[in-house]
Structure formats: C-alpha cells, structure tokens
Amino acid sequence: KLDTSSFENSRMRKYEDVNIPILGNSDSFYAASSEVDIQKLMFKIISAQAPISKKSLYKSVLSAYGISRSGNRAEAILGRIMHFETSDSGVLFVWQPEQKPEEYDIYRVSEQPENKRSIDDISSNEILNASKDVLCEQGCMNKTDLIKETSKKFGFNRTGNLIDITIGYAVDSAITKGELSAMPDGKITDKT
C-alpha cells in the first residue's frame, strides 16, 4: 500500500486508475457511430492517466469493446483522434494538451499492487522525477544503485533487463540534457 504521508515533501502522487466501461463489442467498435464514444473514452483516460503510453491507452480503449489485440484497422480508428505525444526511445506517450513534458515534475505510483504499471508504461519524465527524489533523499550514487532505488519508487522489488534499460535511458537522457550530473567518480547527482 502506498504511503501517502510522503506526498507533501515529494514529487510522488497517486496514480489514478480509470474504470473502463463496456461500450460494446468489436462490431460496434468499427461502426462509424461509435467514434464519438471512443473519443470520449480516450479523453477520459488521458485526462486521468497522462502521460500514458500509447500502447496502454489503446489497450484500455479496445478493452471497452472486448477487443484484446490491436490491429491496423483499430489503430487507424484510434489514430484519427487528436492527441499530443512524445517518444521515449521509440515508446510513444500521450499527454494532455495542457501538459508540458519539459515542466512535468511529479511521478505517480499506484496504491494497489494489482494496478501497478509496467515500467515501459511509465514516461522517462516520471522516471527522472523519481530518480531526483532518490538523489534528494540519499545523495549522489552510482547509476546501478540509482536504477535500483528508482525502481523501488514504482513498486518493483527487483530489477531486470527492461527496468535497467528503461530507467537507464531516463537517467542518461537527463545527464545529456543537464538535469542530472555525472561526477568524475561515476556517481550521479541532481543538478537542481
């Protein structure tokens, strides 16, 4: 269970899960009359969960119509609905129109373990903010330890290849952009 007492002095916030209603079946999804309902559902999910991976957004919308896998036809329908997106090493993330990724300064964690997001569904902006919290709490550290401690912020008790790559990408990008600093001894520190 998430300890919400740390919200006040942290970048951490509660991740909001969205209740996805059943809107129909696969036949109704492809009907032109469903486009407005699809758009409303997409905006509902985006407003509660952005930044959200495009893959996760599409999966949620399709689940409302009992569709388990996305295909070209489904993606064409979903792709017609306007949204703002960024790319993290090839993974697309959808944002609310008023959100500015470069100013995004929080990370979100689910209170319930069963609603925990996969690491590749978390934007590098959120990962960086969790890393900054780790560095603020524990001081400078090597990259391996920073990855491990950052993963814990999102509820992952162990790291693996995907976590190492995803969090490593966020840390490396932040160093390149000057948001984090790599010291000569290899330790990483927050520049803010």
N, C-alpha and C. Protein backbone atom coordinates (compact mmCIF):
# COMPACT_ATOMS: atom_id res chain seq x y z
N LYS A 1 0.84 -1.19 0.00
CA LYS A 1 0.00 0.00 0.00
C LYS A 1 0.88 1.24 0.00
N LEU A 2 0.51 2.23 -0.77
CA LEU A 2 1.27 3.46 -0.92
C LEU A 2 1.17 4.31 0.34
N ASP A 3 2.30 4.80 0.82
CA ASP A 3 2.33 5.68 1.97
C ASP A 3 2.11 7.11 1.49
N THR A 4 0.88 7.61 1.64
CA THR A 4 0.53 8.94 1.12
C THR A 4 1.05 10.06 2.00
N SER A 5 1.59 9.76 3.17
CA SER A 5 2.12 10.81 4.04
C SER A 5 3.35 11.48 3.42
N SER A 6 3.98 10.81 2.48
CA SER A 6 5.18 11.38 1.86
C SER A 6 4.88 12.30 0.68
N PHE A 7 3.61 12.44 0.31
CA PHE A 7 3.26 13.27 -0.84
C PHE A 7 3.67 14.73 -0.66
N GLU A 8 3.53 15.25 0.56
CA GLU A 8 3.75 16.67 0.78
C GLU A 8 5.18 17.11 0.46
N ASN A 9 6.16 16.30 0.81
CA ASN A 9 7.56 16.67 0.61
C ASN A 9 8.21 15.91 -0.53
N SER A 10 7.42 15.46 -1.46
CA SER A 10 7.92 14.60 -2.52
C SER A 10 7.29 14.98 -3.85
N ARG A 11 7.87 14.44 -4.90
CA ARG A 11 7.29 14.58 -6.23
C ARG A 11 6.25 13.48 -6.48
N MET A 12 6.12 12.55 -5.53
CA MET A 12 5.24 11.40 -5.70
C MET A 12 3.77 11.80 -5.56
N ARG A 13 2.95 11.22 -6.46
CA ARG A 13 1.49 11.40 -6.40
C ARG A 13 0.84 10.04 -6.63
N LYS A 14 -0.43 9.97 -6.32
CA LYS A 14 -1.19 8.73 -6.51
C LYS A 14 -1.54 8.58 -7.98
N TYR A 15 -1.29 7.39 -8.51
CA TYR A 15 -1.69 7.07 -9.88
C TYR A 15 -3.17 6.73 -9.88
N GLU A 16 -3.92 7.41 -10.71
CA GLU A 16 -5.37 7.22 -10.78
C GLU A 16 -5.71 6.15 -11.80
N ASP A 17 -6.36 5.11 -11.32
CA ASP A 17 -6.84 4.07 -12.22
C ASP A 17 -8.19 4.54 -12.77
N VAL A 18 -8.50 4.17 -13.99
CA VAL A 18 -9.76 4.57 -14.62
C VAL A 18 -10.64 3.35 -14.78
N ASN A 19 -11.88 3.48 -14.37
CA ASN A 19 -12.85 2.42 -14.56
C ASN A 19 -13.29 2.45 -16.03
N ILE A 20 -12.99 1.40 -16.75
CA ILE A 20 -13.31 1.34 -18.18
C ILE A 20 -14.65 0.61 -18.35
N PRO A 21 -15.66 1.33 -18.81
CA PRO A 21 -16.96 0.69 -19.00
C PRO A 21 -16.97 -0.17 -20.27
N ILE A 22 -17.87 -1.13 -20.31
CA ILE A 22 -18.07 -1.91 -21.54
C ILE A 22 -18.97 -1.07 -22.44
N LEU A 23 -18.48 -0.72 -23.61
CA LEU A 23 -19.23 0.14 -24.53
C LEU A 23 -19.84 -0.62 -25.70
N GLY A 24 -19.43 -1.85 -25.87
CA GLY A 24 -19.96 -2.63 -26.99
C GLY A 24 -19.08 -3.80 -27.30
N ASN A 25 -19.20 -4.29 -28.54
CA ASN A 25 -18.37 -5.41 -28.99
C ASN A 25 -17.51 -4.95 -30.16
N SER A 26 -16.76 -5.87 -30.72
CA SER A 26 -15.84 -5.49 -31.80
C SER A 26 -16.58 -4.92 -33.00
N ASP A 27 -17.76 -5.44 -33.30
CA ASP A 27 -18.54 -4.91 -34.43
C ASP A 27 -18.92 -3.46 -34.19
N SER A 28 -19.35 -3.14 -32.96
CA SER A 28 -19.75 -1.76 -32.68
C SER A 28 -18.54 -0.82 -32.65
N PHE A 29 -17.37 -1.34 -32.30
CA PHE A 29 -16.16 -0.51 -32.31
C PHE A 29 -15.90 0.03 -33.72
N TYR A 30 -16.06 -0.82 -34.71
CA TYR A 30 -15.76 -0.44 -36.08
C TYR A 30 -16.88 0.37 -36.74
N ALA A 31 -18.02 0.51 -36.09
CA ALA A 31 -19.13 1.28 -36.65
C ALA A 31 -18.82 2.78 -36.52
N ALA A 32 -19.11 3.52 -37.55
CA ALA A 32 -18.84 4.96 -37.55
C ALA A 32 -19.56 5.66 -36.40
N SER A 33 -20.69 5.15 -35.99
CA SER A 33 -21.46 5.77 -34.90
C SER A 33 -20.76 5.70 -33.54
N SER A 34 -19.73 4.87 -33.42
CA SER A 34 -19.01 4.73 -32.14
C SER A 34 -17.87 5.72 -31.98
N GLU A 35 -17.53 6.44 -33.01
CA GLU A 35 -16.36 7.30 -32.95
C GLU A 35 -16.43 8.33 -31.82
N VAL A 36 -17.60 8.90 -31.58
CA VAL A 36 -17.74 9.89 -30.50
C VAL A 36 -17.52 9.22 -29.15
N ASP A 37 -18.08 8.02 -28.94
CA ASP A 37 -17.88 7.31 -27.68
C ASP A 37 -16.42 6.93 -27.48
N ILE A 38 -15.78 6.52 -28.55
CA ILE A 38 -14.35 6.19 -28.48
C ILE A 38 -13.55 7.42 -28.09
N GLN A 39 -13.85 8.54 -28.72
CA GLN A 39 -13.14 9.79 -28.43
C GLN A 39 -13.36 10.20 -26.97
N LYS A 40 -14.57 10.12 -26.48
CA LYS A 40 -14.86 10.49 -25.08
C LYS A 40 -14.08 9.60 -24.12
N LEU A 41 -14.04 8.30 -24.41
CA LEU A 41 -13.30 7.38 -23.55
C LEU A 41 -11.81 7.69 -23.58
N MET A 42 -11.27 7.95 -24.76
CA MET A 42 -9.85 8.29 -24.86
C MET A 42 -9.54 9.52 -24.02
N PHE A 43 -10.38 10.55 -24.13
CA PHE A 43 -10.13 11.78 -23.39
C PHE A 43 -10.29 11.56 -21.88
N LYS A 44 -11.20 10.69 -21.48
CA LYS A 44 -11.38 10.36 -20.06
C LYS A 44 -10.09 9.71 -19.53
N ILE A 45 -9.57 8.76 -20.28
CA ILE A 45 -8.35 8.07 -19.86
C ILE A 45 -7.17 9.02 -19.85
N ILE A 46 -7.03 9.82 -20.90
CA ILE A 46 -5.91 10.76 -20.99
C ILE A 46 -5.97 11.77 -19.85
N SER A 47 -7.15 12.28 -19.56
CA SER A 47 -7.25 13.30 -18.51
C SER A 47 -6.89 12.74 -17.14
N ALA A 48 -7.12 11.47 -16.90
CA ALA A 48 -6.79 10.86 -15.60
C ALA A 48 -5.39 10.28 -15.55
N GLN A 49 -4.88 9.77 -16.69
CA GLN A 49 -3.65 8.98 -16.63
C GLN A 49 -2.47 9.53 -17.42
N ALA A 50 -2.62 10.64 -18.10
CA ALA A 50 -1.50 11.16 -18.88
C ALA A 50 -0.40 11.67 -17.96
N PRO A 51 0.86 11.46 -18.33
CA PRO A 51 1.29 10.76 -19.53
C PRO A 51 1.05 9.26 -19.43
N ILE A 52 0.56 8.72 -20.52
CA ILE A 52 0.26 7.29 -20.61
C ILE A 52 0.84 6.77 -21.90
N SER A 53 1.39 5.56 -21.86
CA SER A 53 1.93 5.01 -23.11
C SER A 53 0.79 4.85 -24.10
N LYS A 54 1.08 5.11 -25.34
CA LYS A 54 0.06 4.96 -26.39
C LYS A 54 -0.45 3.52 -26.43
N LYS A 55 0.45 2.59 -26.22
CA LYS A 55 0.08 1.16 -26.19
C LYS A 55 -0.95 0.89 -25.10
N SER A 56 -0.72 1.42 -23.92
CA SER A 56 -1.63 1.22 -22.80
C SER A 56 -2.97 1.94 -23.02
N LEU A 57 -2.91 3.13 -23.58
CA LEU A 57 -4.14 3.87 -23.90
C LEU A 57 -4.99 3.09 -24.88
N TYR A 58 -4.39 2.65 -25.96
CA TYR A 58 -5.13 1.89 -26.97
C TYR A 58 -5.70 0.60 -26.39
N LYS A 59 -4.90 -0.08 -25.57
CA LYS A 59 -5.35 -1.33 -24.96
C LYS A 59 -6.58 -1.09 -24.09
N SER A 60 -6.57 0.00 -23.31
CA SER A 60 -7.71 0.33 -22.45
C SER A 60 -8.96 0.62 -23.26
N VAL A 61 -8.81 1.40 -24.33
CA VAL A 61 -9.97 1.74 -25.16
C VAL A 61 -10.51 0.48 -25.83
N LEU A 62 -9.64 -0.32 -26.38
CA LEU A 62 -10.09 -1.55 -27.05
C LEU A 62 -10.77 -2.52 -26.10
N SER A 63 -10.31 -2.54 -24.84
CA SER A 63 -10.93 -3.45 -23.86
C SER A 63 -12.40 -3.09 -23.61
N ALA A 64 -12.78 -1.83 -23.81
CA ALA A 64 -14.17 -1.41 -23.64
C ALA A 64 -15.08 -2.04 -24.69
N TYR A 65 -14.47 -2.56 -25.75
CA TYR A 65 -15.23 -3.20 -26.82
C TYR A 65 -14.91 -4.69 -26.92
N GLY A 66 -14.26 -5.22 -25.89
CA GLY A 66 -13.96 -6.64 -25.87
C GLY A 66 -12.88 -7.05 -26.86
N ILE A 67 -12.07 -6.10 -27.29
CA ILE A 67 -11.00 -6.39 -28.25
C ILE A 67 -9.71 -6.54 -27.46
N SER A 68 -9.05 -7.68 -27.61
CA SER A 68 -7.85 -7.93 -26.81
C SER A 68 -6.55 -7.52 -27.49
N ARG A 69 -6.55 -7.45 -28.82
CA ARG A 69 -5.33 -7.07 -29.52
C ARG A 69 -5.63 -6.01 -30.57
N SER A 70 -4.69 -5.11 -30.70
CA SER A 70 -4.83 -4.03 -31.67
C SER A 70 -4.36 -4.50 -33.05
N GLY A 71 -5.07 -4.07 -34.05
CA GLY A 71 -4.67 -4.36 -35.42
C GLY A 71 -4.62 -3.06 -36.21
N ASN A 72 -4.27 -3.14 -37.47
CA ASN A 72 -4.14 -1.94 -38.30
C ASN A 72 -5.44 -1.14 -38.36
N ARG A 73 -6.55 -1.85 -38.52
CA ARG A 73 -7.84 -1.18 -38.62
C ARG A 73 -8.21 -0.44 -37.32
N ALA A 74 -8.00 -1.10 -36.20
CA ALA A 74 -8.29 -0.48 -34.90
C ALA A 74 -7.37 0.71 -34.67
N GLU A 75 -6.09 0.55 -34.96
CA GLU A 75 -5.15 1.65 -34.77
C GLU A 75 -5.45 2.83 -35.68
N ALA A 76 -5.97 2.57 -36.86
CA ALA A 76 -6.35 3.66 -37.77
C ALA A 76 -7.49 4.47 -37.16
N ILE A 77 -8.46 3.79 -36.55
CA ILE A 77 -9.57 4.49 -35.91
C ILE A 77 -9.07 5.31 -34.72
N LEU A 78 -8.28 4.70 -33.87
CA LEU A 78 -7.77 5.38 -32.68
C LEU A 78 -6.81 6.52 -33.06
N GLY A 79 -6.05 6.33 -34.13
CA GLY A 79 -5.10 7.33 -34.57
C GLY A 79 -5.74 8.59 -35.14
N ARG A 80 -7.01 8.50 -35.53
CA ARG A 80 -7.71 9.69 -36.06
C ARG A 80 -8.06 10.68 -34.96
N ILE A 81 -8.08 10.21 -33.73
CA ILE A 81 -8.43 11.08 -32.61
C ILE A 81 -7.18 11.83 -32.18
N MET A 82 -7.28 13.14 -32.21
CA MET A 82 -6.13 14.00 -31.95
C MET A 82 -5.63 13.87 -30.51
N HIS A 83 -4.32 13.78 -30.36
CA HIS A 83 -3.70 13.79 -29.05
C HIS A 83 -2.23 14.19 -29.22
N PHE A 84 -1.63 14.69 -28.16
CA PHE A 84 -0.24 15.12 -28.16
C PHE A 84 0.62 13.99 -27.63
N GLU A 85 1.68 13.65 -28.34
CA GLU A 85 2.53 12.54 -27.89
C GLU A 85 4.00 12.87 -28.01
N THR A 86 4.79 12.19 -27.19
CA THR A 86 6.25 12.28 -27.23
C THR A 86 6.79 10.86 -27.35
N SER A 87 8.08 10.75 -27.63
CA SER A 87 8.71 9.44 -27.78
C SER A 87 9.86 9.29 -26.79
N ASP A 88 9.86 8.16 -26.08
CA ASP A 88 10.98 7.80 -25.20
C ASP A 88 11.63 6.57 -25.81
N SER A 89 12.70 6.78 -26.51
CA SER A 89 13.43 5.66 -27.10
C SER A 89 12.50 4.73 -27.89
N GLY A 90 11.60 5.35 -28.67
CA GLY A 90 10.70 4.59 -29.53
C GLY A 90 9.35 4.25 -28.91
N VAL A 91 9.18 4.45 -27.60
CA VAL A 91 7.89 4.21 -26.94
C VAL A 91 7.14 5.54 -26.93
N LEU A 92 5.91 5.53 -27.48
CA LEU A 92 5.14 6.77 -27.56
C LEU A 92 4.30 6.96 -26.31
N PHE A 93 4.28 8.21 -25.81
CA PHE A 93 3.49 8.58 -24.65
C PHE A 93 2.54 9.69 -25.03
N VAL A 94 1.30 9.56 -24.57
CA VAL A 94 0.25 10.53 -24.85
C VAL A 94 0.10 11.43 -23.63
N TRP A 95 -0.01 12.73 -23.90
CA TRP A 95 -0.12 13.75 -22.86
C TRP A 95 -1.43 14.52 -23.02
N GLN A 96 -1.87 15.14 -21.93
CA GLN A 96 -2.97 16.08 -22.02
C GLN A 96 -2.47 17.29 -22.79
N PRO A 97 -3.34 17.95 -23.55
CA PRO A 97 -2.88 19.11 -24.33
C PRO A 97 -2.21 20.19 -23.50
N GLU A 98 -2.67 20.39 -22.26
CA GLU A 98 -2.09 21.46 -21.43
C GLU A 98 -0.83 21.03 -20.69
N GLN A 99 -0.49 19.75 -20.70
CA GLN A 99 0.73 19.29 -20.04
C GLN A 99 1.94 19.62 -20.90
N LYS A 100 3.00 20.06 -20.23
CA LYS A 100 4.27 20.34 -20.91
C LYS A 100 5.30 19.34 -20.37
N PRO A 101 5.70 18.39 -21.20
CA PRO A 101 6.63 17.35 -20.71
C PRO A 101 7.88 17.92 -20.04
N GLU A 102 8.42 19.01 -20.57
CA GLU A 102 9.64 19.59 -20.00
C GLU A 102 9.42 20.23 -18.64
N GLU A 103 8.14 20.47 -18.27
CA GLU A 103 7.82 21.06 -16.96
C GLU A 103 7.18 20.03 -16.01
N TYR A 104 7.03 18.82 -16.45
CA TYR A 104 6.37 17.78 -15.65
C TYR A 104 7.28 17.42 -14.49
N ASP A 105 6.82 17.62 -13.26
CA ASP A 105 7.71 17.47 -12.11
C ASP A 105 7.23 16.49 -11.04
N ILE A 106 6.40 15.54 -11.44
CA ILE A 106 5.91 14.53 -10.49
C ILE A 106 6.12 13.14 -11.06
N TYR A 107 5.91 12.14 -10.22
CA TYR A 107 5.78 10.76 -10.68
C TYR A 107 4.63 10.14 -9.91
N ARG A 108 3.98 9.17 -10.52
CA ARG A 108 2.77 8.60 -9.94
C ARG A 108 2.95 7.13 -9.63
N VAL A 109 2.42 6.73 -8.48
CA VAL A 109 2.53 5.36 -8.01
C VAL A 109 1.14 4.88 -7.61
N SER A 110 0.81 3.68 -8.00
CA SER A 110 -0.48 3.09 -7.67
C SER A 110 -0.51 2.66 -6.21
N GLU A 111 -1.64 2.92 -5.54
CA GLU A 111 -1.81 2.46 -4.16
C GLU A 111 -1.97 0.95 -4.11
N GLN A 112 -2.54 0.37 -5.15
CA GLN A 112 -2.83 -1.05 -5.18
C GLN A 112 -1.82 -1.79 -6.06
N PRO A 113 -1.16 -2.80 -5.53
CA PRO A 113 -0.17 -3.54 -6.33
C PRO A 113 -0.73 -4.11 -7.63
N GLU A 114 -2.00 -4.50 -7.63
CA GLU A 114 -2.58 -5.07 -8.85
C GLU A 114 -2.78 -4.02 -9.96
N ASN A 115 -2.70 -2.75 -9.62
CA ASN A 115 -2.83 -1.67 -10.62
C ASN A 115 -1.48 -1.06 -10.98
N LYS A 116 -0.40 -1.69 -10.53
CA LYS A 116 0.94 -1.17 -10.82
C LYS A 116 1.20 -1.19 -12.32
N ARG A 117 1.73 -0.10 -12.82
CA ARG A 117 2.06 -0.02 -14.24
C ARG A 117 3.36 -0.77 -14.54
N SER A 118 3.45 -1.27 -15.75
CA SER A 118 4.68 -1.86 -16.24
C SER A 118 5.70 -0.72 -16.41
N ILE A 119 6.96 -1.00 -16.24
CA ILE A 119 7.98 0.05 -16.34
C ILE A 119 7.98 0.71 -17.72
N ASP A 120 7.63 -0.04 -18.78
CA ASP A 120 7.62 0.58 -20.10
C ASP A 120 6.34 1.37 -20.37
N ASP A 121 5.44 1.44 -19.37
CA ASP A 121 4.27 2.31 -19.45
C ASP A 121 4.46 3.58 -18.64
N ILE A 122 5.68 3.81 -18.16
CA ILE A 122 5.99 5.00 -17.36
C ILE A 122 6.95 5.87 -18.17
N SER A 123 6.59 7.12 -18.36
CA SER A 123 7.41 8.01 -19.18
C SER A 123 8.75 8.32 -18.50
N SER A 124 9.74 8.64 -19.30
CA SER A 124 11.06 8.99 -18.75
C SER A 124 10.98 10.24 -17.89
N ASN A 125 9.99 11.11 -18.14
CA ASN A 125 9.81 12.30 -17.30
C ASN A 125 9.48 11.88 -15.87
N GLU A 126 8.57 10.92 -15.72
CA GLU A 126 8.21 10.44 -14.39
C GLU A 126 9.38 9.70 -13.74
N ILE A 127 10.06 8.90 -14.53
CA ILE A 127 11.21 8.14 -14.01
C ILE A 127 12.27 9.10 -13.51
N LEU A 128 12.54 10.15 -14.26
CA LEU A 128 13.53 11.15 -13.84
C LEU A 128 13.11 11.80 -12.52
N ASN A 129 11.83 12.13 -12.39
CA ASN A 129 11.37 12.76 -11.15
C ASN A 129 11.52 11.83 -9.95
N ALA A 130 11.29 10.54 -10.15
CA ALA A 130 11.51 9.56 -9.08
C ALA A 130 13.01 9.47 -8.75
N SER A 131 13.84 9.51 -9.79
CA SER A 131 15.29 9.47 -9.57
C SER A 131 15.75 10.70 -8.79
N LYS A 132 15.18 11.85 -9.10
CA LYS A 132 15.52 13.07 -8.36
C LYS A 132 15.12 12.96 -6.90
N ASP A 133 13.98 12.33 -6.62
CA ASP A 133 13.58 12.10 -5.23
C ASP A 133 14.59 11.20 -4.53
N VAL A 134 15.03 10.14 -5.21
CA VAL A 134 16.02 9.24 -4.63
C VAL A 134 17.29 10.01 -4.30
N LEU A 135 17.77 10.81 -5.24
CA LEU A 135 19.01 11.56 -5.03
C LEU A 135 18.85 12.60 -3.92
N CYS A 136 17.68 13.19 -3.81
CA CYS A 136 17.39 14.15 -2.75
C CYS A 136 17.41 13.46 -1.38
N GLU A 137 16.86 12.26 -1.32
CA GLU A 137 16.77 11.51 -0.07
C GLU A 137 18.11 10.88 0.32
N GLN A 138 18.87 10.39 -0.67
CA GLN A 138 20.05 9.58 -0.37
C GLN A 138 21.37 10.17 -0.81
N GLY A 139 21.35 11.27 -1.53
CA GLY A 139 22.58 11.87 -2.01
C GLY A 139 23.05 11.21 -3.29
N CYS A 140 24.22 11.58 -3.76
CA CYS A 140 24.73 11.05 -5.02
C CYS A 140 25.00 9.55 -4.90
N MET A 141 24.89 8.87 -6.04
CA MET A 141 25.11 7.42 -6.06
C MET A 141 25.47 6.97 -7.46
N ASN A 142 25.97 5.76 -7.58
CA ASN A 142 26.31 5.25 -8.90
C ASN A 142 25.02 4.90 -9.65
N LYS A 143 25.14 4.75 -10.94
CA LYS A 143 23.98 4.53 -11.80
C LYS A 143 23.24 3.25 -11.45
N THR A 144 23.95 2.17 -11.16
CA THR A 144 23.32 0.89 -10.82
C THR A 144 22.43 1.03 -9.59
N ASP A 145 22.94 1.71 -8.57
CA ASP A 145 22.15 1.90 -7.35
C ASP A 145 20.99 2.85 -7.59
N LEU A 146 21.20 3.87 -8.41
CA LEU A 146 20.13 4.81 -8.72
C LEU A 146 18.98 4.10 -9.46
N ILE A 147 19.33 3.23 -10.39
CA ILE A 147 18.31 2.44 -11.10
C ILE A 147 17.54 1.57 -10.12
N LYS A 148 18.25 0.90 -9.23
CA LYS A 148 17.61 0.01 -8.25
C LYS A 148 16.68 0.79 -7.33
N GLU A 149 17.15 1.91 -6.81
CA GLU A 149 16.34 2.69 -5.87
C GLU A 149 15.16 3.37 -6.57
N THR A 150 15.36 3.80 -7.80
CA THR A 150 14.27 4.40 -8.57
C THR A 150 13.19 3.37 -8.85
N SER A 151 13.60 2.17 -9.21
CA SER A 151 12.61 1.11 -9.48
C SER A 151 11.76 0.83 -8.25
N LYS A 152 12.34 0.92 -7.07
CA LYS A 152 11.59 0.70 -5.84
C LYS A 152 10.49 1.75 -5.67
N LYS A 153 10.74 2.96 -6.13
CA LYS A 153 9.73 4.03 -6.03
C LYS A 153 8.45 3.64 -6.76
N PHE A 154 8.59 2.84 -7.81
CA PHE A 154 7.43 2.42 -8.60
C PHE A 154 6.89 1.05 -8.17
N GLY A 155 7.45 0.50 -7.08
CA GLY A 155 6.95 -0.75 -6.55
C GLY A 155 7.61 -2.00 -7.09
N PHE A 156 8.76 -1.85 -7.76
CA PHE A 156 9.48 -3.01 -8.27
C PHE A 156 10.55 -3.39 -7.26
N ASN A 157 10.45 -4.60 -6.74
CA ASN A 157 11.41 -5.05 -5.72
C ASN A 157 12.71 -5.54 -6.32
N ARG A 158 12.66 -5.95 -7.57
CA ARG A 158 13.85 -6.43 -8.27
C ARG A 158 13.97 -5.73 -9.61
N THR A 159 15.18 -5.59 -10.06
CA THR A 159 15.38 -5.04 -11.40
C THR A 159 15.64 -6.19 -12.37
N GLY A 160 15.42 -5.90 -13.62
CA GLY A 160 15.69 -6.84 -14.69
C GLY A 160 16.12 -6.04 -15.90
N ASN A 161 16.28 -6.70 -17.00
CA ASN A 161 16.78 -6.04 -18.20
C ASN A 161 15.91 -4.86 -18.62
N LEU A 162 14.60 -5.04 -18.67
CA LEU A 162 13.71 -3.96 -19.10
C LEU A 162 13.76 -2.77 -18.15
N ILE A 163 13.77 -3.03 -16.86
CA ILE A 163 13.86 -1.94 -15.87
C ILE A 163 15.20 -1.24 -16.00
N ASP A 164 16.29 -2.00 -16.11
CA ASP A 164 17.62 -1.40 -16.27
C ASP A 164 17.69 -0.50 -17.51
N ILE A 165 17.17 -0.99 -18.61
CA ILE A 165 17.22 -0.22 -19.86
C ILE A 165 16.33 1.02 -19.77
N THR A 166 15.10 0.87 -19.27
CA THR A 166 14.15 1.98 -19.24
C THR A 166 14.60 3.07 -18.29
N ILE A 167 14.95 2.71 -17.07
CA ILE A 167 15.40 3.72 -16.11
C ILE A 167 16.76 4.26 -16.53
N GLY A 168 17.63 3.40 -17.04
CA GLY A 168 18.93 3.86 -17.55
C GLY A 168 18.79 4.88 -18.66
N TYR A 169 17.82 4.68 -19.56
CA TYR A 169 17.55 5.64 -20.63
C TYR A 169 17.15 6.99 -20.04
N ALA A 170 16.26 6.99 -19.04
CA ALA A 170 15.81 8.24 -18.42
C ALA A 170 16.97 8.97 -17.75
N VAL A 171 17.81 8.23 -17.05
CA VAL A 171 18.97 8.82 -16.36
C VAL A 171 19.96 9.37 -17.38
N ASP A 172 20.29 8.58 -18.41
CA ASP A 172 21.24 9.04 -19.44
C ASP A 172 20.71 10.27 -20.17
N SER A 173 19.41 10.28 -20.48
CA SER A 173 18.81 11.45 -21.16
C SER A 173 18.90 12.68 -20.27
N ALA A 174 18.66 12.50 -18.98
CA ALA A 174 18.73 13.63 -18.05
C ALA A 174 20.15 14.16 -17.92
N ILE A 175 21.13 13.29 -17.96
CA ILE A 175 22.53 13.73 -17.92
C ILE A 175 22.85 14.51 -19.18
N THR A 176 22.43 14.00 -20.34
CA THR A 176 22.67 14.68 -21.61
C THR A 176 22.02 16.06 -21.63
N LYS A 177 20.82 16.17 -21.06
CA LYS A 177 20.10 17.45 -21.04
C LYS A 177 20.58 18.37 -19.92
N GLY A 178 21.45 17.89 -19.05
CA GLY A 178 21.96 18.70 -17.96
C GLY A 178 21.06 18.74 -16.73
N GLU A 179 20.09 17.83 -16.64
CA GLU A 179 19.20 17.80 -15.47
C GLU A 179 19.81 17.01 -14.32
N LEU A 180 20.65 16.05 -14.65
CA LEU A 180 21.44 15.32 -13.68
C LEU A 180 22.90 15.48 -14.08
N SER A 181 23.78 15.24 -13.14
CA SER A 181 25.21 15.40 -13.43
C SER A 181 25.96 14.12 -13.07
N ALA A 182 26.85 13.69 -13.97
CA ALA A 182 27.71 12.54 -13.70
C ALA A 182 29.06 13.08 -13.25
N MET A 183 29.46 12.70 -12.06
CA MET A 183 30.71 13.18 -11.49
C MET A 183 31.86 12.32 -12.02
N PRO A 184 33.11 12.81 -11.90
CA PRO A 184 34.25 12.04 -12.40
C PRO A 184 34.37 10.63 -11.81
N ASP A 185 33.88 10.43 -10.59
CA ASP A 185 33.97 9.11 -9.97
C ASP A 185 32.82 8.19 -10.39
N GLY A 186 31.97 8.69 -11.32
CA GLY A 186 30.88 7.89 -11.84
C GLY A 186 29.57 8.05 -11.08
N LYS A 187 29.62 8.76 -9.97
CA LYS A 187 28.39 8.96 -9.21
C LYS A 187 27.52 10.02 -9.87
N ILE A 188 26.22 9.89 -9.68
CA ILE A 188 25.24 10.80 -10.29
C ILE A 188 24.63 11.66 -9.21
N THR A 189 24.42 12.93 -9.55
CA THR A 189 23.82 13.87 -8.62
C THR A 189 22.78 14.71 -9.34
N ASP A 190 21.86 15.23 -8.58
CA ASP A 190 20.80 16.10 -9.12
C ASP A 190 21.36 17.52 -9.24
N LYS A 191 21.13 18.14 -10.38
CA LYS A 191 21.63 19.49 -10.59
C LYS A 191 20.71 20.56 -10.01
N THR A 192 19.47 20.18 -9.66
CA THR A 192 18.54 21.21 -9.16
C THR A 192 18.66 21.45 -7.69
